[in-house]
């Protein structure tokens, strides 16, 4: 039985996306994949239960039959387990990992927000779990600056040594890639540490869908439910992007225009006047006039009504990092393509022995 622990240095490094990419490739190779996340980090409430967001995601995408409280036993939203001793919690996690691995070829174990133990919401650090399970380890690190990245990687290496099977530098500014190769990669290689892949920052991976925005804002969807999988690239409170029958929305002052990603987001030139509208959020809680609603329906445009004011909604969205949903398969395919560019994903899984070379 393989235990593969995927850990992160935090700060929106792409932890969930990396885990899903690995799971998808393993399933494509005919392996039976299980999933566990010992400590929840992003609680959600649905169907009368508190669940961890990642546990909910992977239960669906991997078609897992185990209940949520086995996949993620220690939720942030629950307080009872915090009275338990760390040794007892570690013993429970080990027993549960063995239980979840039955009938599987590999159990993917997803760490908390970051590998460093400075989070009081957890009684046991990720490193202790990795060592207790004798698990292989993959680190995903969001690039910030050279010295910070090197320090983080060296620290993890000092704690886990040969358990580390791969290191991914993610969200690297494209203009920094050459510098990464010449400094970080070379410096670490001299210390016997090889960087598996350096993944450039890609705006597409940070876009959120209209469906996710509706869930975050918990508003009332007035129309356009068939187009909720549309990605949102930008937001504006201006009206310059309104055209055709949507010009009626110029009469509505409390609104946020949600714009589709356009080619400029991918490094290509395109005039701003050609931006397409993905949806509109009406703020302030007032129902729109019938002709406004009719214009949105005619354009098949999702229209969301929320009670809060415009700037509170903008702040809420900016402070809510994008989360993956089962509908985000396109993001996983795109990230897989980035990993496969130089065979990094194959090398990563071969280094664990899960896939043969």
Protein backbone atom coordinates (compact mmCIF):
# COMPACT_ATOMS: atom_id res chain seq x y z
CA UNK A 1 0.00 0.00 0.00
CA UNK A 2 1.26 3.42 -0.96
CA UNK A 3 0.66 6.42 1.26
CA UNK A 4 1.37 9.63 -0.67
CA UNK A 5 1.17 12.85 1.31
CA UNK A 6 0.82 16.13 -0.61
CA UNK A 7 1.86 19.14 1.45
CA UNK A 8 2.04 22.86 0.85
CA UNK A 9 3.85 25.93 2.10
CA UNK A 10 0.49 27.71 2.05
CA UNK A 11 -0.44 31.06 0.56
CA UNK A 12 -2.67 29.67 -2.22
CA UNK A 13 0.07 27.47 -3.62
CA UNK A 14 -2.28 25.24 -5.64
CA UNK A 15 -2.51 22.45 -3.08
CA UNK A 16 -5.93 21.12 -4.08
CA UNK A 17 -5.19 21.46 -7.78
CA UNK A 18 -1.94 19.49 -7.47
CA UNK A 19 -3.68 16.74 -5.50
CA UNK A 20 -6.48 16.47 -8.07
CA UNK A 21 -3.95 16.39 -10.93
CA UNK A 22 -2.10 13.48 -9.30
CA UNK A 23 -5.34 11.64 -8.53
CA UNK A 24 -6.57 12.05 -12.10
CA UNK A 25 -3.36 10.69 -13.62
CA UNK A 26 -3.35 7.70 -11.27
CA UNK A 27 -6.96 6.86 -12.13
CA UNK A 28 -6.10 7.13 -15.84
CA UNK A 29 -3.43 4.50 -15.22
CA UNK A 30 -6.00 2.12 -13.77
CA UNK A 31 -5.14 2.55 -10.10
CA UNK A 32 -7.70 2.53 -7.30
CA UNK A 33 -7.22 5.80 -5.47
CA UNK A 34 -8.37 6.69 -1.97
CA UNK A 35 -8.29 10.08 -0.28
CA UNK A 36 -7.89 11.42 3.23
CA UNK A 37 -7.49 14.87 4.71
CA UNK A 38 -6.86 14.54 8.45
CA UNK A 39 -7.55 18.18 9.37
CA UNK A 40 -10.17 20.27 7.65
CA UNK A 41 -9.22 23.78 6.60
CA UNK A 42 -12.21 25.15 4.66
CA UNK A 43 -15.51 24.18 6.33
CA UNK A 44 -18.70 24.24 4.28
CA UNK A 45 -22.26 23.50 5.37
CA UNK A 46 -24.44 21.44 3.06
CA UNK A 47 -27.12 18.78 3.35
CA UNK A 48 -27.34 19.46 7.07
CA UNK A 49 -23.67 18.63 7.71
CA UNK A 50 -20.42 20.48 8.23
CA UNK A 51 -17.81 19.15 5.80
CA UNK A 52 -14.37 20.10 4.61
CA UNK A 53 -14.41 21.57 1.11
CA UNK A 54 -11.60 19.33 -0.19
CA UNK A 55 -13.17 16.24 1.35
CA UNK A 56 -16.41 17.06 -0.44
CA UNK A 57 -14.56 17.69 -3.72
CA UNK A 58 -12.57 14.47 -3.73
CA UNK A 59 -15.43 12.33 -2.48
CA UNK A 60 -17.28 13.31 -5.66
CA UNK A 61 -14.47 13.31 -8.24
CA UNK A 62 -13.07 9.96 -6.98
CA UNK A 63 -16.53 8.50 -6.34
CA UNK A 64 -15.57 7.56 -2.79
CA UNK A 65 -18.05 5.58 -0.73
CA UNK A 66 -16.59 6.37 2.68
CA UNK A 67 -18.53 8.92 4.80
CA UNK A 68 -17.24 12.45 5.25
CA UNK A 69 -16.28 11.96 8.88
CA UNK A 70 -13.84 9.22 7.82
CA UNK A 71 -12.36 11.11 4.88
CA UNK A 72 -11.80 14.20 7.05
CA UNK A 73 -12.11 13.29 10.75
CA UNK A 74 -11.05 16.58 12.36
CA UNK A 75 -13.05 19.58 11.22
CA UNK A 76 -12.17 23.14 12.13
CA UNK A 77 -15.86 23.74 12.87
CA UNK A 78 -15.90 21.09 15.63
CA UNK A 79 -14.40 21.65 19.07
CA UNK A 80 -14.74 18.28 20.82
CA UNK A 81 -11.56 16.70 19.42
CA UNK A 82 -9.39 19.60 20.58
CA UNK A 83 -9.42 18.16 24.09
CA UNK A 84 -7.70 14.95 22.93
CA UNK A 85 -3.99 14.36 23.38
CA UNK A 86 -1.81 14.70 20.29
CA UNK A 87 -0.62 11.10 20.59
CA UNK A 88 -4.21 9.83 20.59
CA UNK A 89 -5.08 11.90 17.54
CA UNK A 90 -2.01 10.64 15.70
CA UNK A 91 -2.95 7.07 16.56
CA UNK A 92 -6.50 7.65 15.28
CA UNK A 93 -5.18 9.10 12.01
CA UNK A 94 -2.91 6.10 11.45
CA UNK A 95 -5.73 3.65 12.10
CA UNK A 96 -8.07 5.56 9.81
CA UNK A 97 -5.47 5.74 7.03
CA UNK A 98 -5.12 1.97 7.15
CA UNK A 99 -8.90 1.60 7.06
CA UNK A 100 -9.29 3.94 4.07
CA UNK A 101 -6.49 2.17 2.18
CA UNK A 102 -8.28 -1.18 2.09
CA UNK A 103 -9.19 -2.11 -1.46
CA UNK A 104 -7.10 0.78 -2.83
CA UNK A 105 -3.75 0.84 -4.61
CA UNK A 106 -2.82 4.19 -3.14
CA UNK A 107 -4.13 6.56 -0.49
CA UNK A 108 -3.58 10.24 -1.19
CA UNK A 109 -3.31 12.24 2.01
CA UNK A 110 -3.75 15.96 1.74
CA UNK A 111 -2.03 18.15 4.30
CA UNK A 112 -3.31 21.29 5.94
CA UNK A 113 -2.79 24.82 4.68
CA UNK A 114 0.96 24.65 5.20
CA UNK A 115 3.58 22.16 6.23
CA UNK A 116 4.95 24.46 8.92
CA UNK A 117 3.39 23.87 12.33
CA UNK A 118 2.22 27.32 13.41
CA UNK A 119 -1.51 26.73 13.12
CA UNK A 120 -3.30 26.38 16.46
CA UNK A 121 -6.28 24.73 14.75
CA UNK A 122 -4.26 21.50 14.43
CA UNK A 123 -3.07 19.35 17.29
CA UNK A 124 -0.62 17.36 15.17
CA UNK A 125 1.77 18.78 12.54
CA UNK A 126 1.81 17.35 9.04
CA UNK A 127 5.42 16.23 9.46
CA UNK A 128 4.47 13.98 12.39
CA UNK A 129 1.71 12.36 10.31
CA UNK A 130 4.08 11.77 7.39
CA UNK A 131 6.67 10.09 9.60
CA UNK A 132 4.09 8.04 11.49
CA UNK A 133 2.63 6.68 8.24
CA UNK A 134 6.03 6.23 6.59
CA UNK A 135 4.51 8.13 3.67
CA UNK A 136 6.15 9.50 0.56
CA UNK A 137 5.89 13.27 0.35
CA UNK A 138 5.37 15.83 -2.41
CA UNK A 139 5.76 19.53 -1.67
CA UNK A 140 4.06 22.31 -3.62
CA UNK A 141 5.46 25.75 -2.94
CA UNK A 142 4.13 29.05 -4.22
CA UNK A 143 7.07 31.10 -5.43
CA UNK A 144 7.40 34.46 -3.70
CA UNK A 145 11.09 35.26 -3.69
CA UNK A 146 14.27 33.23 -4.13
CA UNK A 147 15.52 33.35 -0.54
CA UNK A 148 12.10 32.51 0.91
CA UNK A 149 11.58 29.56 -1.44
CA UNK A 150 15.06 28.14 -0.77
CA UNK A 151 14.61 28.46 2.99
CA UNK A 152 11.21 26.71 2.91
CA UNK A 153 12.49 23.83 0.80
CA UNK A 154 15.65 23.37 2.88
CA UNK A 155 13.64 23.34 6.09
CA UNK A 156 11.24 20.68 4.81
CA UNK A 157 14.17 18.64 3.49
CA UNK A 158 15.87 18.76 6.90
CA UNK A 159 12.72 17.35 8.50
CA UNK A 160 11.70 14.72 5.93
CA UNK A 161 14.92 13.89 4.10
CA UNK A 162 14.44 11.02 1.62
CA UNK A 163 10.68 10.95 2.07
CA UNK A 164 10.52 13.91 -0.32
CA UNK A 165 9.80 12.56 -3.81
CA UNK A 166 9.01 15.78 -5.59
CA UNK A 167 9.09 19.56 -5.23
CA UNK A 168 6.86 21.81 -7.34
CA UNK A 169 7.44 25.54 -7.55
CA UNK A 170 4.06 26.93 -8.57
CA UNK A 171 2.76 30.31 -9.70
CA UNK A 172 6.15 31.54 -10.84
CA UNK A 173 5.98 34.86 -12.75
CA UNK A 174 6.90 33.97 -16.35
CA UNK A 175 9.65 36.57 -16.40
CA UNK A 176 11.24 34.84 -13.36
CA UNK A 177 11.46 31.34 -14.85
CA UNK A 178 14.98 31.76 -16.20
CA UNK A 179 16.13 33.25 -12.91
CA UNK A 180 14.61 30.27 -11.07
CA UNK A 181 16.54 27.84 -13.24
CA UNK A 182 19.80 29.71 -12.77
CA UNK A 183 19.53 30.34 -9.03
CA UNK A 184 17.05 28.21 -7.08
CA UNK A 185 17.34 25.05 -9.17
CA UNK A 186 21.12 25.24 -9.41
CA UNK A 187 21.60 26.12 -5.73
CA UNK A 188 19.39 23.28 -4.49
CA UNK A 189 20.84 20.76 -6.93
CA UNK A 190 24.25 21.38 -5.39
CA UNK A 191 22.70 20.28 -2.09
CA UNK A 192 21.25 17.15 -3.65
CA UNK A 193 17.72 18.53 -3.99
CA UNK A 194 16.08 18.49 -7.40
CA UNK A 195 13.15 20.70 -8.35
CA UNK A 196 10.61 18.54 -10.18
CA UNK A 197 8.86 21.39 -11.98
CA UNK A 198 8.55 25.17 -12.08
CA UNK A 199 5.01 26.08 -13.14
CA UNK A 200 4.40 29.62 -14.46
CA UNK A 201 1.62 31.79 -13.11
CA UNK A 202 -1.43 31.26 -15.30
CA UNK A 203 -4.50 33.52 -14.94
CA UNK A 204 -6.83 30.77 -16.18
CA UNK A 205 -6.18 28.74 -13.03
CA UNK A 206 -7.27 31.63 -10.81
CA UNK A 207 -10.56 32.37 -12.55
CA UNK A 208 -13.67 31.42 -10.63
CA UNK A 209 -16.93 30.26 -12.14
CA UNK A 210 -20.27 32.00 -11.82
CA UNK A 211 -21.50 28.98 -9.89
CA UNK A 212 -18.81 29.55 -7.27
CA UNK A 213 -19.66 33.25 -7.03
CA UNK A 214 -23.32 32.40 -6.49
CA UNK A 215 -22.34 30.00 -3.69
CA UNK A 216 -19.99 32.51 -2.05
CA UNK A 217 -22.50 35.36 -2.07
CA UNK A 218 -25.47 33.13 -1.17
CA UNK A 219 -27.79 35.37 -3.16
CA UNK A 220 -30.92 34.78 -5.21
CA UNK A 221 -30.35 33.70 -8.81
CA UNK A 222 -33.03 35.42 -10.89
CA UNK A 223 -32.17 33.84 -14.25
CA UNK A 224 -29.39 32.27 -16.30
CA UNK A 225 -28.88 29.08 -14.31
CA UNK A 226 -27.79 27.21 -17.47
CA UNK A 227 -24.69 29.39 -17.80
CA UNK A 228 -23.26 29.11 -14.30
CA UNK A 229 -20.18 27.21 -15.48
CA UNK A 230 -18.95 30.31 -17.32
CA UNK A 231 -15.62 31.56 -15.94
CA UNK A 232 -15.22 35.10 -14.63
CA UNK A 233 -12.01 36.95 -15.42
CA UNK A 234 -12.67 40.40 -14.00
CA UNK A 235 -15.22 42.58 -12.22
CA UNK A 236 -16.24 46.19 -12.77
CA UNK A 237 -18.82 48.61 -11.43
CA UNK A 238 -18.75 50.62 -14.67
CA UNK A 239 -21.17 50.37 -17.58
CA UNK A 240 -18.86 50.70 -20.60
CA UNK A 241 -19.10 46.97 -21.33
CA UNK A 242 -22.89 47.01 -21.63
CA UNK A 243 -24.19 46.77 -25.17
CA UNK A 244 -27.36 45.93 -27.07
CA UNK A 245 -30.36 45.31 -24.88
CA UNK A 246 -28.09 45.16 -21.84
CA UNK A 247 -27.74 48.95 -22.11
CA UNK A 248 -30.88 48.99 -19.94
CA UNK A 249 -28.64 48.08 -17.00
CA UNK A 250 -27.16 51.58 -17.16
CA UNK A 251 -30.29 52.58 -15.26
CA UNK A 252 -29.29 50.26 -12.43
CA UNK A 253 -26.74 51.92 -10.16
CA UNK A 254 -26.23 49.14 -7.61
CA UNK A 255 -24.58 46.47 -9.71
CA UNK A 256 -21.34 44.60 -10.41
CA UNK A 257 -20.55 43.52 -13.96
CA UNK A 258 -18.79 40.15 -14.13
CA UNK A 259 -16.61 39.84 -17.24
CA UNK A 260 -15.53 36.73 -19.09
CA UNK A 261 -11.81 36.02 -19.41
CA UNK A 262 -10.56 37.54 -22.63
CA UNK A 263 -7.41 37.17 -24.66
CA UNK A 264 -5.53 39.97 -22.92
CA UNK A 265 -5.57 37.80 -19.77
CA UNK A 266 -3.51 35.29 -21.75
CA UNK A 267 -0.92 37.75 -22.93
CA UNK A 268 -2.54 38.73 -26.23
CA UNK A 269 -3.74 42.14 -27.31
CA UNK A 270 -7.43 42.90 -27.52
CA UNK A 271 -9.38 46.14 -27.14
CA UNK A 272 -11.24 46.56 -23.87
CA UNK A 273 -14.46 47.45 -25.74
CA UNK A 274 -14.72 43.80 -26.85
CA UNK A 275 -15.01 42.39 -23.33
CA UNK A 276 -17.91 39.98 -22.92
CA UNK A 277 -20.20 39.94 -19.91
CA UNK A 278 -20.48 36.68 -17.96
CA UNK A 279 -23.13 37.83 -15.48
CA UNK A 280 -24.39 40.71 -13.37
CA UNK A 281 -24.75 40.99 -9.60
CA UNK A 282 -27.49 43.34 -8.39
CA UNK A 283 -26.63 44.67 -4.94
CA UNK A 284 -28.75 46.32 -2.28
CA UNK A 285 -31.54 43.71 -2.28
CA UNK A 286 -34.00 45.55 -4.57
CA UNK A 287 -35.73 43.45 -7.22
CA UNK A 288 -35.11 44.74 -10.75
CA UNK A 289 -37.79 46.26 -12.94
CA UNK A 290 -39.51 43.71 -15.24
CA UNK A 291 -37.82 45.09 -18.39
CA UNK A 292 -34.39 44.72 -16.75
CA UNK A 293 -35.08 41.10 -15.85
CA UNK A 294 -36.45 40.45 -19.33
CA UNK A 295 -33.28 41.85 -20.93
CA UNK A 296 -31.13 39.50 -18.87
CA UNK A 297 -33.31 36.52 -19.77
CA UNK A 298 -33.20 37.38 -23.46
CA UNK A 299 -29.40 37.52 -23.32
CA UNK A 300 -29.27 34.22 -21.35
CA UNK A 301 -27.28 36.19 -18.77
CA UNK A 302 -27.07 35.00 -15.15
CA UNK A 303 -28.50 37.66 -12.87
CA UNK A 304 -27.84 37.44 -9.13
CA UNK A 305 -29.57 39.50 -6.43
CA UNK A 306 -27.82 40.08 -3.08
CA UNK A 307 -28.73 42.18 -0.06
CA UNK A 308 -25.32 43.69 0.71
CA UNK A 309 -24.04 46.90 -0.85
CA UNK A 310 -21.72 46.93 -3.87
CA UNK A 311 -18.44 47.59 -2.08
CA UNK A 312 -19.13 45.00 0.64
CA UNK A 313 -19.71 42.40 -2.09
CA UNK A 314 -16.52 43.38 -3.93
CA UNK A 315 -14.55 43.10 -0.70
CA UNK A 316 -16.15 39.75 0.07
CA UNK A 317 -15.20 38.34 -3.33
CA UNK A 318 -11.66 39.69 -3.14
CA UNK A 319 -11.14 38.12 0.29
CA UNK A 320 -12.57 34.74 -0.75
CA UNK A 321 -9.89 32.79 -2.64
CA UNK A 322 -11.12 30.65 -5.56
CA UNK A 323 -11.97 27.07 -4.66
CA UNK A 324 -12.09 24.09 -6.94
CA UNK A 325 -15.38 22.38 -7.65
CA UNK A 326 -16.14 19.15 -9.54
CA UNK A 327 -17.03 21.36 -12.52
CA UNK A 328 -13.42 22.63 -12.72
CA UNK A 329 -12.11 19.68 -14.72
CA UNK A 330 -10.84 22.12 -17.35
CA UNK A 331 -8.46 23.65 -14.79
CA UNK A 332 -7.09 20.22 -13.91
CA UNK A 333 -6.54 19.41 -17.58
CA UNK A 334 -4.75 22.72 -18.05
CA UNK A 335 -2.52 22.21 -15.00
CA UNK A 336 -1.78 18.68 -16.21
CA UNK A 337 -0.67 20.09 -19.56
CA UNK A 338 1.69 22.47 -17.76
CA UNK A 339 3.11 19.58 -15.73
CA UNK A 340 3.42 17.38 -18.83
CA UNK A 341 5.28 20.04 -20.81
CA UNK A 342 8.63 18.48 -19.91
CA UNK A 343 7.34 15.19 -18.48
CA UNK A 344 7.37 16.45 -14.89
CA UNK A 345 4.17 14.70 -13.79
CA UNK A 346 5.38 11.32 -15.07
CA UNK A 347 8.77 11.80 -13.38
CA UNK A 348 7.04 12.79 -10.17
CA UNK A 349 4.94 9.63 -9.97
CA UNK A 350 7.79 7.40 -11.11
CA UNK A 351 9.94 8.79 -8.29
CA UNK A 352 7.48 7.32 -5.79
CA UNK A 353 7.44 3.93 -7.45
CA UNK A 354 3.69 4.16 -7.99
CA UNK A 355 4.15 4.19 -11.75
CA UNK A 356 6.87 2.13 -13.39
CA UNK A 357 9.44 3.88 -15.55
